[in-house]
Each structure stands twice: as C-alpha cells, then as structure tokens.
ModelCIF file with pLDDT and N, C-alpha, C, O atoms, coordinates in Angstrom:
data_MODEL
#
_entry.id   MODEL 
#
_entity.id                         1 
_entity.type                       polymer 
_entity.pdbx_number_of_molecules   1 
#
_entity_poly.entity_id                      1 
_entity_poly.type                           'polypeptide(L)' 
_entity_poly.nstd_linkage                   no 
_entity_poly.nstd_monomer                   no 
_entity_poly.pdbx_seq_one_letter_code       
;(UNK)(UNK)(UNK)(UNK)(UNK)(UNK)(UNK)(UNK)(UNK)(UNK)(UNK)(UNK)(UNK)(UNK)(UNK)(UNK)
(UNK)(UNK)(UNK)(UNK)(UNK)(UNK)(UNK)(UNK)(UNK)(UNK)(UNK)(UNK)(UNK)(UNK)(UNK)(UNK)
(UNK)(UNK)(UNK)(UNK)(UNK)(UNK)(UNK)(UNK)(UNK)(UNK)(UNK)(UNK)(UNK)(UNK)(UNK)(UNK)
;
_entity_poly.pdbx_seq_one_letter_code_can   XXXXXXXXXXXXXXXXXXXXXXXXXXXXXXXXXXXXXXXXXXXXXXXX 
_entity_poly.pdbx_strand_id                 A 
#
loop_
_entity_poly_seq.entity_id 
_entity_poly_seq.num 
_entity_poly_seq.mon_id 
_entity_poly_seq.hetero 
1 1  UNK n 
1 2  UNK n 
1 3  UNK n 
1 4  UNK n 
1 5  UNK n 
1 6  UNK n 
1 7  UNK n 
1 8  UNK n 
1 9  UNK n 
1 10 UNK n 
1 11 UNK n 
1 12 UNK n 
1 13 UNK n 
1 14 UNK n 
1 15 UNK n 
1 16 UNK n 
1 17 UNK n 
1 18 UNK n 
1 19 UNK n 
1 20 UNK n 
1 21 UNK n 
1 22 UNK n 
1 23 UNK n 
1 24 UNK n 
1 25 UNK n 
1 26 UNK n 
1 27 UNK n 
1 28 UNK n 
1 29 UNK n 
1 30 UNK n 
1 31 UNK n 
1 32 UNK n 
1 33 UNK n 
1 34 UNK n 
1 35 UNK n 
1 36 UNK n 
1 37 UNK n 
1 38 UNK n 
1 39 UNK n 
1 40 UNK n 
1 41 UNK n 
1 42 UNK n 
1 43 UNK n 
1 44 UNK n 
1 45 UNK n 
1 46 UNK n 
1 47 UNK n 
1 48 UNK n 
#
_struct_asym.id          A 
_struct_asym.entity_id   1 
#
loop_
_ma_qa_metric.id 
_ma_qa_metric.mode 
_ma_qa_metric.name 
_ma_qa_metric.software_group_id 
_ma_qa_metric.type 
1 global pLDDT . pLDDT 
2 local  pLDDT . pLDDT 
#
_ma_qa_metric_global.metric_id      1 
_ma_qa_metric_global.metric_value   95.42 
_ma_qa_metric_global.model_id       1 
_ma_qa_metric_global.ordinal_id     1 
#
loop_
_ma_qa_metric_local.label_asym_id 
_ma_qa_metric_local.label_comp_id 
_ma_qa_metric_local.label_seq_id 
_ma_qa_metric_local.metric_id 
_ma_qa_metric_local.metric_value 
_ma_qa_metric_local.model_id 
_ma_qa_metric_local.ordinal_id 
A UNK 1  2 98.00 1 1  
A UNK 2  2 98.00 1 2  
A UNK 3  2 98.00 1 3  
A UNK 4  2 98.00 1 4  
A UNK 5  2 98.00 1 5  
A UNK 6  2 97.00 1 6  
A UNK 7  2 97.00 1 7  
A UNK 8  2 97.00 1 8  
A UNK 9  2 96.00 1 9  
A UNK 10 2 94.00 1 10 
A UNK 11 2 97.00 1 11 
A UNK 12 2 98.00 1 12 
A UNK 13 2 98.00 1 13 
A UNK 14 2 98.00 1 14 
A UNK 15 2 98.00 1 15 
A UNK 16 2 98.00 1 16 
A UNK 17 2 97.00 1 17 
A UNK 18 2 98.00 1 18 
A UNK 19 2 98.00 1 19 
A UNK 20 2 98.00 1 20 
A UNK 21 2 98.00 1 21 
A UNK 22 2 98.00 1 22 
A UNK 23 2 98.00 1 23 
A UNK 24 2 98.00 1 24 
A UNK 25 2 97.00 1 25 
A UNK 26 2 97.00 1 26 
A UNK 27 2 94.00 1 27 
A UNK 28 2 89.00 1 28 
A UNK 29 2 82.00 1 29 
A UNK 30 2 83.00 1 30 
A UNK 31 2 83.00 1 31 
A UNK 32 2 83.00 1 32 
A UNK 33 2 88.00 1 33 
A UNK 34 2 92.00 1 34 
A UNK 35 2 92.00 1 35 
A UNK 36 2 95.00 1 36 
A UNK 37 2 96.00 1 37 
A UNK 38 2 95.00 1 38 
A UNK 39 2 96.00 1 39 
A UNK 40 2 96.00 1 40 
A UNK 41 2 97.00 1 41 
A UNK 42 2 98.00 1 42 
A UNK 43 2 98.00 1 43 
A UNK 44 2 98.00 1 44 
A UNK 45 2 98.00 1 45 
A UNK 46 2 97.00 1 46 
A UNK 47 2 97.00 1 47 
A UNK 48 2 98.00 1 48 
#
loop_
_atom_site.group_PDB 
_atom_site.id 
_atom_site.type_symbol 
_atom_site.label_atom_id 
_atom_site.label_alt_id 
_atom_site.label_comp_id 
_atom_site.label_asym_id 
_atom_site.label_entity_id 
_atom_site.label_seq_id 
_atom_site.pdbx_PDB_ins_code 
_atom_site.Cartn_x 
_atom_site.Cartn_y 
_atom_site.Cartn_z 
_atom_site.occupancy 
_atom_site.B_iso_or_equiv 
_atom_site.pdbx_formal_charge 
_atom_site.auth_seq_id 
_atom_site.auth_comp_id 
_atom_site.auth_asym_id 
_atom_site.auth_atom_id 
_atom_site.pdbx_PDB_model_num 
ATOM 1   N N  . UNK A 1 1  ? 21.842 19.129 2.638   1.00 98.00 ? 1  UNK A N  1 
ATOM 2   C CA . UNK A 1 1  ? 22.687 18.540 3.667   1.00 98.00 ? 1  UNK A CA 1 
ATOM 3   C C  . UNK A 1 1  ? 22.419 17.045 3.827   1.00 98.00 ? 1  UNK A C  1 
ATOM 4   O O  . UNK A 1 1  ? 21.331 16.553 3.528   1.00 98.00 ? 1  UNK A O  1 
ATOM 5   N N  . UNK A 1 2  ? 23.433 16.346 4.305   1.00 98.00 ? 2  UNK A N  1 
ATOM 6   C CA . UNK A 1 2  ? 23.284 14.942 4.689   1.00 98.00 ? 2  UNK A CA 1 
ATOM 7   C C  . UNK A 1 2  ? 24.112 14.723 5.944   1.00 98.00 ? 2  UNK A C  1 
ATOM 8   O O  . UNK A 1 2  ? 25.072 15.447 6.205   1.00 98.00 ? 2  UNK A O  1 
ATOM 9   N N  . UNK A 1 3  ? 23.723 13.699 6.728   1.00 98.00 ? 3  UNK A N  1 
ATOM 10  C CA . UNK A 1 3  ? 24.484 13.388 7.946   1.00 98.00 ? 3  UNK A CA 1 
ATOM 11  C C  . UNK A 1 3  ? 24.210 11.949 8.348   1.00 98.00 ? 3  UNK A C  1 
ATOM 12  O O  . UNK A 1 3  ? 23.144 11.400 8.070   1.00 98.00 ? 3  UNK A O  1 
ATOM 13  N N  . UNK A 1 4  ? 25.198 11.345 9.010   1.00 98.00 ? 4  UNK A N  1 
ATOM 14  C CA . UNK A 1 4  ? 25.038 9.965  9.492   1.00 98.00 ? 4  UNK A CA 1 
ATOM 15  C C  . UNK A 1 4  ? 25.182 9.915  11.012  1.00 98.00 ? 4  UNK A C  1 
ATOM 16  O O  . UNK A 1 4  ? 25.596 8.902  11.575  1.00 98.00 ? 4  UNK A O  1 
ATOM 17  N N  . UNK A 1 5  ? 24.831 11.030 11.669  1.00 98.00 ? 5  UNK A N  1 
ATOM 18  C CA . UNK A 1 5  ? 24.958 11.120 13.125  1.00 98.00 ? 5  UNK A CA 1 
ATOM 19  C C  . UNK A 1 5  ? 23.654 10.792 13.832  1.00 98.00 ? 5  UNK A C  1 
ATOM 20  O O  . UNK A 1 5  ? 23.658 10.070 14.828  1.00 98.00 ? 5  UNK A O  1 
ATOM 21  N N  . UNK A 1 6  ? 22.536 11.313 13.331  1.00 97.00 ? 6  UNK A N  1 
ATOM 22  C CA . UNK A 1 6  ? 21.248 11.179 14.012  1.00 97.00 ? 6  UNK A CA 1 
ATOM 23  C C  . UNK A 1 6  ? 20.227 10.575 13.051  1.00 97.00 ? 6  UNK A C  1 
ATOM 24  O O  . UNK A 1 6  ? 19.767 11.239 12.123  1.00 97.00 ? 6  UNK A O  1 
ATOM 25  N N  . UNK A 1 7  ? 19.884 9.326  13.281  1.00 97.00 ? 7  UNK A N  1 
ATOM 26  C CA . UNK A 1 7  ? 18.976 8.611  12.381  1.00 97.00 ? 7  UNK A CA 1 
ATOM 27  C C  . UNK A 1 7  ? 17.541 9.100  12.473  1.00 97.00 ? 7  UNK A C  1 
ATOM 28  O O  . UNK A 1 7  ? 16.697 8.703  11.670  1.00 97.00 ? 7  UNK A O  1 
ATOM 29  N N  . UNK A 1 8  ? 17.258 9.958  13.443  1.00 97.00 ? 8  UNK A N  1 
ATOM 30  C CA . UNK A 1 8  ? 15.894 10.483 13.584  1.00 97.00 ? 8  UNK A CA 1 
ATOM 31  C C  . UNK A 1 8  ? 15.640 11.702 12.693  1.00 97.00 ? 8  UNK A C  1 
ATOM 32  O O  . UNK A 1 8  ? 14.509 12.178 12.595  1.00 97.00 ? 8  UNK A O  1 
ATOM 33  N N  . UNK A 1 9  ? 16.672 12.192 12.059  1.00 96.00 ? 9  UNK A N  1 
ATOM 34  C CA . UNK A 1 9  ? 16.520 13.359 11.197  1.00 96.00 ? 9  UNK A CA 1 
ATOM 35  C C  . UNK A 1 9  ? 16.235 12.931 9.757   1.00 96.00 ? 9  UNK A C  1 
ATOM 36  O O  . UNK A 1 9  ? 16.665 11.865 9.316   1.00 96.00 ? 9  UNK A O  1 
ATOM 37  N N  . UNK A 1 10 ? 15.504 13.779 9.035   1.00 94.00 ? 10 UNK A N  1 
ATOM 38  C CA . UNK A 1 10 ? 15.100 13.442 7.667   1.00 94.00 ? 10 UNK A CA 1 
ATOM 39  C C  . UNK A 1 10 ? 16.280 13.312 6.706   1.00 94.00 ? 10 UNK A C  1 
ATOM 40  O O  . UNK A 1 10 ? 16.208 12.563 5.732   1.00 94.00 ? 10 UNK A O  1 
ATOM 41  N N  . UNK A 1 11 ? 17.355 14.032 6.975   1.00 97.00 ? 11 UNK A N  1 
ATOM 42  C CA . UNK A 1 11 ? 18.489 13.992 6.048   1.00 97.00 ? 11 UNK A CA 1 
ATOM 43  C C  . UNK A 1 11 ? 19.535 12.944 6.447   1.00 97.00 ? 11 UNK A C  1 
ATOM 44  O O  . UNK A 1 11 ? 20.681 13.007 6.002   1.00 97.00 ? 11 UNK A O  1 
ATOM 45  N N  . UNK A 1 12 ? 19.146 12.006 7.268   1.00 98.00 ? 12 UNK A N  1 
ATOM 46  C CA . UNK A 1 12 ? 20.055 10.922 7.665   1.00 98.00 ? 12 UNK A CA 1 
ATOM 47  C C  . UNK A 1 12 ? 20.301 9.999  6.476   1.00 98.00 ? 12 UNK A C  1 
ATOM 48  O O  . UNK A 1 12 ? 19.374 9.642  5.750   1.00 98.00 ? 12 UNK A O  1 
ATOM 49  N N  . UNK A 1 13 ? 21.563 9.620  6.288   1.00 98.00 ? 13 UNK A N  1 
ATOM 50  C CA . UNK A 1 13 ? 21.899 8.710  5.203   1.00 98.00 ? 13 UNK A CA 1 
ATOM 51  C C  . UNK A 1 13 ? 23.377 8.397  5.184   1.00 98.00 ? 13 UNK A C  1 
ATOM 52  O O  . UNK A 1 13 ? 24.142 8.897  6.009   1.00 98.00 ? 13 UNK A O  1 
ATOM 53  N N  . UNK A 1 14 ? 23.775 7.565  4.233   1.00 98.00 ? 14 UNK A N  1 
ATOM 54  C CA . UNK A 1 14 ? 25.185 7.198  4.087   1.00 98.00 ? 14 UNK A CA 1 
ATOM 55  C C  . UNK A 1 14 ? 25.891 8.281  3.273   1.00 98.00 ? 14 UNK A C  1 
ATOM 56  O O  . UNK A 1 14 ? 25.583 8.498  2.101   1.00 98.00 ? 14 UNK A O  1 
ATOM 57  N N  . UNK A 1 15 ? 26.830 8.946  3.908   1.00 98.00 ? 15 UNK A N  1 
ATOM 58  C CA . UNK A 1 15 ? 27.508 10.079 3.280   1.00 98.00 ? 15 UNK A CA 1 
ATOM 59  C C  . UNK A 1 15 ? 28.237 9.656  2.014   1.00 98.00 ? 15 UNK A C  1 
ATOM 60  O O  . UNK A 1 15 ? 28.171 10.354 1.002   1.00 98.00 ? 15 UNK A O  1 
ATOM 61  N N  . UNK A 1 16 ? 28.924 8.534  2.055   1.00 98.00 ? 16 UNK A N  1 
ATOM 62  C CA . UNK A 1 16 ? 29.734 8.099  0.906   1.00 98.00 ? 16 UNK A CA 1 
ATOM 63  C C  . UNK A 1 16 ? 28.885 7.764  -0.316  1.00 98.00 ? 16 UNK A C  1 
ATOM 64  O O  . UNK A 1 16 ? 29.389 7.762  -1.439  1.00 98.00 ? 16 UNK A O  1 
ATOM 65  N N  . UNK A 1 17 ? 27.609 7.484  -0.109  1.00 97.00 ? 17 UNK A N  1 
ATOM 66  C CA . UNK A 1 17 ? 26.725 7.156  -1.230  1.00 97.00 ? 17 UNK A CA 1 
ATOM 67  C C  . UNK A 1 17 ? 25.959 8.370  -1.742  1.00 97.00 ? 17 UNK A C  1 
ATOM 68  O O  . UNK A 1 17 ? 25.167 8.259  -2.678  1.00 97.00 ? 17 UNK A O  1 
ATOM 69  N N  . UNK A 1 18 ? 26.193 9.518  -1.135  1.00 98.00 ? 18 UNK A N  1 
ATOM 70  C CA . UNK A 1 18 ? 25.463 10.727 -1.514  1.00 98.00 ? 18 UNK A CA 1 
ATOM 71  C C  . UNK A 1 18 ? 26.427 11.906 -1.731  1.00 98.00 ? 18 UNK A C  1 
ATOM 72  O O  . UNK A 1 18 ? 26.348 12.911 -1.024  1.00 98.00 ? 18 UNK A O  1 
ATOM 73  N N  . UNK A 1 19 ? 27.323 11.780 -2.696  1.00 98.00 ? 19 UNK A N  1 
ATOM 74  C CA . UNK A 1 19 ? 28.284 12.872 -2.935  1.00 98.00 ? 19 UNK A CA 1 
ATOM 75  C C  . UNK A 1 19 ? 27.633 14.153 -3.442  1.00 98.00 ? 19 UNK A C  1 
ATOM 76  O O  . UNK A 1 19 ? 28.267 15.208 -3.469  1.00 98.00 ? 19 UNK A O  1 
ATOM 77  N N  . UNK A 1 20 ? 26.370 14.059 -3.844  1.00 98.00 ? 20 UNK A N  1 
ATOM 78  C CA . UNK A 1 20 ? 25.657 15.242 -4.323  1.00 98.00 ? 20 UNK A CA 1 
ATOM 79  C C  . UNK A 1 20 ? 25.208 16.136 -3.185  1.00 98.00 ? 20 UNK A C  1 
ATOM 80  O O  . UNK A 1 20 ? 24.648 17.206 -3.423  1.00 98.00 ? 20 UNK A O  1 
ATOM 81  N N  . UNK A 1 21 ? 25.445 15.713 -1.947  1.00 98.00 ? 21 UNK A N  1 
ATOM 82  C CA . UNK A 1 21 ? 25.007 16.486 -0.787  1.00 98.00 ? 21 UNK A CA 1 
ATOM 83  C C  . UNK A 1 21 ? 26.187 16.820 0.132   1.00 98.00 ? 21 UNK A C  1 
ATOM 84  O O  . UNK A 1 21 ? 27.246 16.195 0.069   1.00 98.00 ? 21 UNK A O  1 
ATOM 85  N N  . UNK A 1 22 ? 25.971 17.815 0.977   1.00 98.00 ? 22 UNK A N  1 
ATOM 86  C CA . UNK A 1 22 ? 27.017 18.341 1.857   1.00 98.00 ? 22 UNK A CA 1 
ATOM 87  C C  . UNK A 1 22 ? 26.881 17.741 3.252   1.00 98.00 ? 22 UNK A C  1 
ATOM 88  O O  . UNK A 1 22 ? 25.832 17.870 3.884   1.00 98.00 ? 22 UNK A O  1 
ATOM 89  N N  . UNK A 1 23 ? 27.931 17.089 3.734   1.00 98.00 ? 23 UNK A N  1 
ATOM 90  C CA . UNK A 1 23 ? 27.935 16.480 5.056   1.00 98.00 ? 23 UNK A CA 1 
ATOM 91  C C  . UNK A 1 23 ? 28.081 17.572 6.113   1.00 98.00 ? 23 UNK A C  1 
ATOM 92  O O  . UNK A 1 23 ? 29.135 18.199 6.218   1.00 98.00 ? 23 UNK A O  1 
ATOM 93  N N  . UNK A 1 24 ? 27.028 17.800 6.894   1.00 98.00 ? 24 UNK A N  1 
ATOM 94  C CA . UNK A 1 24 ? 27.030 18.885 7.871   1.00 98.00 ? 24 UNK A CA 1 
ATOM 95  C C  . UNK A 1 24 ? 27.998 18.624 9.019   1.00 98.00 ? 24 UNK A C  1 
ATOM 96  O O  . UNK A 1 24 ? 28.295 19.538 9.788   1.00 98.00 ? 24 UNK A O  1 
ATOM 97  N N  . UNK A 1 25 ? 28.493 17.409 9.150   1.00 97.00 ? 25 UNK A N  1 
ATOM 98  C CA . UNK A 1 25 ? 29.412 17.079 10.236  1.00 97.00 ? 25 UNK A CA 1 
ATOM 99  C C  . UNK A 1 25 ? 30.858 16.892 9.776   1.00 97.00 ? 25 UNK A C  1 
ATOM 100 O O  . UNK A 1 25 ? 31.707 16.465 10.558  1.00 97.00 ? 25 UNK A O  1 
ATOM 101 N N  . UNK A 1 26 ? 31.141 17.209 8.515   1.00 97.00 ? 26 UNK A N  1 
ATOM 102 C CA . UNK A 1 26 ? 32.538 17.207 8.092   1.00 97.00 ? 26 UNK A CA 1 
ATOM 103 C C  . UNK A 1 26 ? 33.082 18.619 8.254   1.00 97.00 ? 26 UNK A C  1 
ATOM 104 O O  . UNK A 1 26 ? 32.588 19.559 7.632   1.00 97.00 ? 26 UNK A O  1 
ATOM 105 N N  . UNK A 1 27 ? 34.088 18.757 9.081   1.00 94.00 ? 27 UNK A N  1 
ATOM 106 C CA . UNK A 1 27 ? 34.675 20.075 9.295   1.00 94.00 ? 27 UNK A CA 1 
ATOM 107 C C  . UNK A 1 27 ? 36.192 19.986 9.209   1.00 94.00 ? 27 UNK A C  1 
ATOM 108 O O  . UNK A 1 27 ? 36.779 18.922 9.405   1.00 94.00 ? 27 UNK A O  1 
ATOM 109 N N  . UNK A 1 28 ? 36.799 21.094 8.922   1.00 89.00 ? 28 UNK A N  1 
ATOM 110 C CA . UNK A 1 28 ? 38.237 21.234 9.017   1.00 89.00 ? 28 UNK A CA 1 
ATOM 111 C C  . UNK A 1 28 ? 38.547 21.552 10.480  1.00 89.00 ? 28 UNK A C  1 
ATOM 112 O O  . UNK A 1 28 ? 38.011 22.515 11.027  1.00 89.00 ? 28 UNK A O  1 
ATOM 113 N N  . UNK A 1 29 ? 39.392 20.767 11.108  1.00 82.00 ? 29 UNK A N  1 
ATOM 114 C CA . UNK A 1 29 ? 39.674 20.932 12.537  1.00 82.00 ? 29 UNK A CA 1 
ATOM 115 C C  . UNK A 1 29 ? 40.152 22.341 12.872  1.00 82.00 ? 29 UNK A C  1 
ATOM 116 O O  . UNK A 1 29 ? 39.993 22.808 14.000  1.00 82.00 ? 29 UNK A O  1 
ATOM 117 N N  . UNK A 1 30 ? 40.740 23.016 11.880  1.00 83.00 ? 30 UNK A N  1 
ATOM 118 C CA . UNK A 1 30 ? 41.247 24.370 12.100  1.00 83.00 ? 30 UNK A CA 1 
ATOM 119 C C  . UNK A 1 30 ? 40.115 25.396 12.139  1.00 83.00 ? 30 UNK A C  1 
ATOM 120 O O  . UNK A 1 30 ? 40.289 26.500 12.654  1.00 83.00 ? 30 UNK A O  1 
ATOM 121 N N  . UNK A 1 31 ? 38.952 25.025 11.592  1.00 83.00 ? 31 UNK A N  1 
ATOM 122 C CA . UNK A 1 31 ? 37.841 25.975 11.474  1.00 83.00 ? 31 UNK A CA 1 
ATOM 123 C C  . UNK A 1 31 ? 36.569 25.352 12.042  1.00 83.00 ? 31 UNK A C  1 
ATOM 124 O O  . UNK A 1 31 ? 35.700 24.921 11.285  1.00 83.00 ? 31 UNK A O  1 
ATOM 125 N N  . UNK A 1 32 ? 36.457 25.304 13.351  1.00 83.00 ? 32 UNK A N  1 
ATOM 126 C CA . UNK A 1 32 ? 35.340 24.624 14.008  1.00 83.00 ? 32 UNK A CA 1 
ATOM 127 C C  . UNK A 1 32 ? 34.149 25.535 14.301  1.00 83.00 ? 32 UNK A C  1 
ATOM 128 O O  . UNK A 1 32 ? 33.093 25.046 14.703  1.00 83.00 ? 32 UNK A O  1 
ATOM 129 N N  . UNK A 1 33 ? 34.290 26.819 14.112  1.00 88.00 ? 33 UNK A N  1 
ATOM 130 C CA . UNK A 1 33 ? 33.249 27.749 14.511  1.00 88.00 ? 33 UNK A CA 1 
ATOM 131 C C  . UNK A 1 33 ? 32.111 27.853 13.516  1.00 88.00 ? 33 UNK A C  1 
ATOM 132 O O  . UNK A 1 33 ? 31.914 26.962 12.689  1.00 88.00 ? 33 UNK A O  1 
ATOM 133 N N  . UNK A 1 34 ? 31.353 28.954 13.598  1.00 92.00 ? 34 UNK A N  1 
ATOM 134 C CA . UNK A 1 34 ? 30.195 29.167 12.727  1.00 92.00 ? 34 UNK A CA 1 
ATOM 135 C C  . UNK A 1 34 ? 30.614 29.197 11.255  1.00 92.00 ? 34 UNK A C  1 
ATOM 136 O O  . UNK A 1 34 ? 29.875 28.768 10.369  1.00 92.00 ? 34 UNK A O  1 
ATOM 137 N N  . UNK A 1 35 ? 31.807 29.710 11.028  1.00 92.00 ? 35 UNK A N  1 
ATOM 138 C CA . UNK A 1 35 ? 32.312 29.857 9.665   1.00 92.00 ? 35 UNK A CA 1 
ATOM 139 C C  . UNK A 1 35 ? 32.961 28.550 9.193   1.00 92.00 ? 35 UNK A C  1 
ATOM 140 O O  . UNK A 1 35 ? 34.148 28.530 8.867   1.00 92.00 ? 35 UNK A O  1 
ATOM 141 N N  . UNK A 1 36 ? 32.199 27.481 9.158   1.00 95.00 ? 36 UNK A N  1 
ATOM 142 C CA . UNK A 1 36 ? 32.764 26.154 8.863   1.00 95.00 ? 36 UNK A CA 1 
ATOM 143 C C  . UNK A 1 36 ? 33.000 25.944 7.370   1.00 95.00 ? 36 UNK A C  1 
ATOM 144 O O  . UNK A 1 36 ? 33.806 25.099 6.984   1.00 95.00 ? 36 UNK A O  1 
ATOM 145 N N  . UNK A 1 37 ? 32.306 26.703 6.533   1.00 96.00 ? 37 UNK A N  1 
ATOM 146 C CA . UNK A 1 37 ? 32.437 26.528 5.081   1.00 96.00 ? 37 UNK A CA 1 
ATOM 147 C C  . UNK A 1 37 ? 33.347 27.577 4.446   1.00 96.00 ? 37 UNK A C  1 
ATOM 148 O O  . UNK A 1 37 ? 34.205 27.244 3.628   1.00 96.00 ? 37 UNK A O  1 
ATOM 149 N N  . UNK A 1 38 ? 33.165 28.817 4.813   1.00 95.00 ? 38 UNK A N  1 
ATOM 150 C CA . UNK A 1 38 ? 33.919 29.938 4.243   1.00 95.00 ? 38 UNK A CA 1 
ATOM 151 C C  . UNK A 1 38 ? 33.944 29.867 2.713   1.00 95.00 ? 38 UNK A C  1 
ATOM 152 O O  . UNK A 1 38 ? 34.981 29.594 2.110   1.00 95.00 ? 38 UNK A O  1 
ATOM 153 N N  . UNK A 1 39 ? 32.808 30.113 2.112   1.00 96.00 ? 39 UNK A N  1 
ATOM 154 C CA . UNK A 1 39 ? 32.743 30.198 0.650   1.00 96.00 ? 39 UNK A CA 1 
ATOM 155 C C  . UNK A 1 39 ? 33.396 31.516 0.236   1.00 96.00 ? 39 UNK A C  1 
ATOM 156 O O  . UNK A 1 39 ? 33.042 32.570 0.762   1.00 96.00 ? 39 UNK A O  1 
ATOM 157 N N  . UNK A 1 40 ? 34.342 31.469 -0.698  1.00 96.00 ? 40 UNK A N  1 
ATOM 158 C CA . UNK A 1 40 ? 35.082 32.689 -1.031  1.00 96.00 ? 40 UNK A CA 1 
ATOM 159 C C  . UNK A 1 40 ? 34.941 33.133 -2.483  1.00 96.00 ? 40 UNK A C  1 
ATOM 160 O O  . UNK A 1 40 ? 35.487 34.169 -2.864  1.00 96.00 ? 40 UNK A O  1 
ATOM 161 N N  . UNK A 1 41 ? 34.220 32.369 -3.298  1.00 97.00 ? 41 UNK A N  1 
ATOM 162 C CA . UNK A 1 41 ? 34.008 32.844 -4.670  1.00 97.00 ? 41 UNK A CA 1 
ATOM 163 C C  . UNK A 1 41 ? 32.808 32.155 -5.300  1.00 97.00 ? 41 UNK A C  1 
ATOM 164 O O  . UNK A 1 41 ? 32.434 31.039 -4.942  1.00 97.00 ? 41 UNK A O  1 
ATOM 165 N N  . UNK A 1 42 ? 32.223 32.865 -6.251  1.00 98.00 ? 42 UNK A N  1 
ATOM 166 C CA . UNK A 1 42 ? 31.132 32.322 -7.048  1.00 98.00 ? 42 UNK A CA 1 
ATOM 167 C C  . UNK A 1 42 ? 31.362 32.776 -8.486  1.00 98.00 ? 42 UNK A C  1 
ATOM 168 O O  . UNK A 1 42 ? 31.505 33.970 -8.751  1.00 98.00 ? 42 UNK A O  1 
ATOM 169 N N  . UNK A 1 43 ? 31.396 31.829 -9.405  1.00 98.00 ? 43 UNK A N  1 
ATOM 170 C CA . UNK A 1 43 ? 31.606 32.115 -10.820 1.00 98.00 ? 43 UNK A CA 1 
ATOM 171 C C  . UNK A 1 43 ? 30.527 31.387 -11.627 1.00 98.00 ? 43 UNK A C  1 
ATOM 172 O O  . UNK A 1 43 ? 29.889 30.456 -11.135 1.00 98.00 ? 43 UNK A O  1 
ATOM 173 N N  . UNK A 1 44 ? 30.338 31.825 -12.860 1.00 98.00 ? 44 UNK A N  1 
ATOM 174 C CA . UNK A 1 44 ? 29.212 31.324 -13.640 1.00 98.00 ? 44 UNK A CA 1 
ATOM 175 C C  . UNK A 1 44 ? 29.641 31.055 -15.069 1.00 98.00 ? 44 UNK A C  1 
ATOM 176 O O  . UNK A 1 44 ? 30.426 31.809 -15.644 1.00 98.00 ? 44 UNK A O  1 
ATOM 177 N N  . UNK A 1 45 ? 29.114 29.960 -15.650 1.00 98.00 ? 45 UNK A N  1 
ATOM 178 C CA . UNK A 1 45 ? 29.335 29.638 -17.057 1.00 98.00 ? 45 UNK A CA 1 
ATOM 179 C C  . UNK A 1 45 ? 27.985 29.669 -17.768 1.00 98.00 ? 45 UNK A C  1 
ATOM 180 O O  . UNK A 1 45 ? 27.094 28.869 -17.481 1.00 98.00 ? 45 UNK A O  1 
ATOM 181 N N  . UNK A 1 46 ? 27.854 30.615 -18.705 1.00 97.00 ? 46 UNK A N  1 
ATOM 182 C CA . UNK A 1 46 ? 26.574 30.810 -19.374 1.00 97.00 ? 46 UNK A CA 1 
ATOM 183 C C  . UNK A 1 46 ? 26.235 29.685 -20.329 1.00 97.00 ? 46 UNK A C  1 
ATOM 184 O O  . UNK A 1 46 ? 25.062 29.351 -20.498 1.00 97.00 ? 46 UNK A O  1 
ATOM 185 N N  . UNK A 1 47 ? 27.253 29.085 -20.967 1.00 97.00 ? 47 UNK A N  1 
ATOM 186 C CA . UNK A 1 47 ? 27.007 28.010 -21.924 1.00 97.00 ? 47 UNK A CA 1 
ATOM 187 C C  . UNK A 1 47 ? 26.364 26.807 -21.238 1.00 97.00 ? 47 UNK A C  1 
ATOM 188 O O  . UNK A 1 47 ? 25.400 26.234 -21.745 1.00 97.00 ? 47 UNK A O  1 
ATOM 189 N N  . UNK A 1 48 ? 26.905 26.435 -20.084 1.00 98.00 ? 48 UNK A N  1 
ATOM 190 C CA . UNK A 1 48 ? 26.370 25.290 -19.337 1.00 98.00 ? 48 UNK A CA 1 
ATOM 191 C C  . UNK A 1 48 ? 25.245 25.697 -18.389 1.00 98.00 ? 48 UNK A C  1 
ATOM 192 O O  . UNK A 1 48 ? 24.691 24.850 -17.689 1.00 98.00 ? 48 UNK A O  1 
#
C-alpha cells in the first residue's frame, strides 16, 4: 500500500511516483464500503 494522506505513516509517499503500489485512499465513489477492491479473478501464466 501507499498513501499521501498521513505523513506519519511508514507507507507515506507520492502516489504518482509509485505505480507499483496500491493507493489505499483511491476508491470508486460507488463502492465506498469494506469491499473497496472486489477482486473477481486470478489467473496464472506458467511461462512467465
């Protein structure tokens, strides 16, 4: 995770410079509850 809300937290940083991490404060306005991510599939490539 990364966030630019609270500078006292260890994962504080510039979101735009860290695309490898998930911004915990980016949400879809339609889905504000606990289910903010709703992961719906996982697939795997053996070659890579």
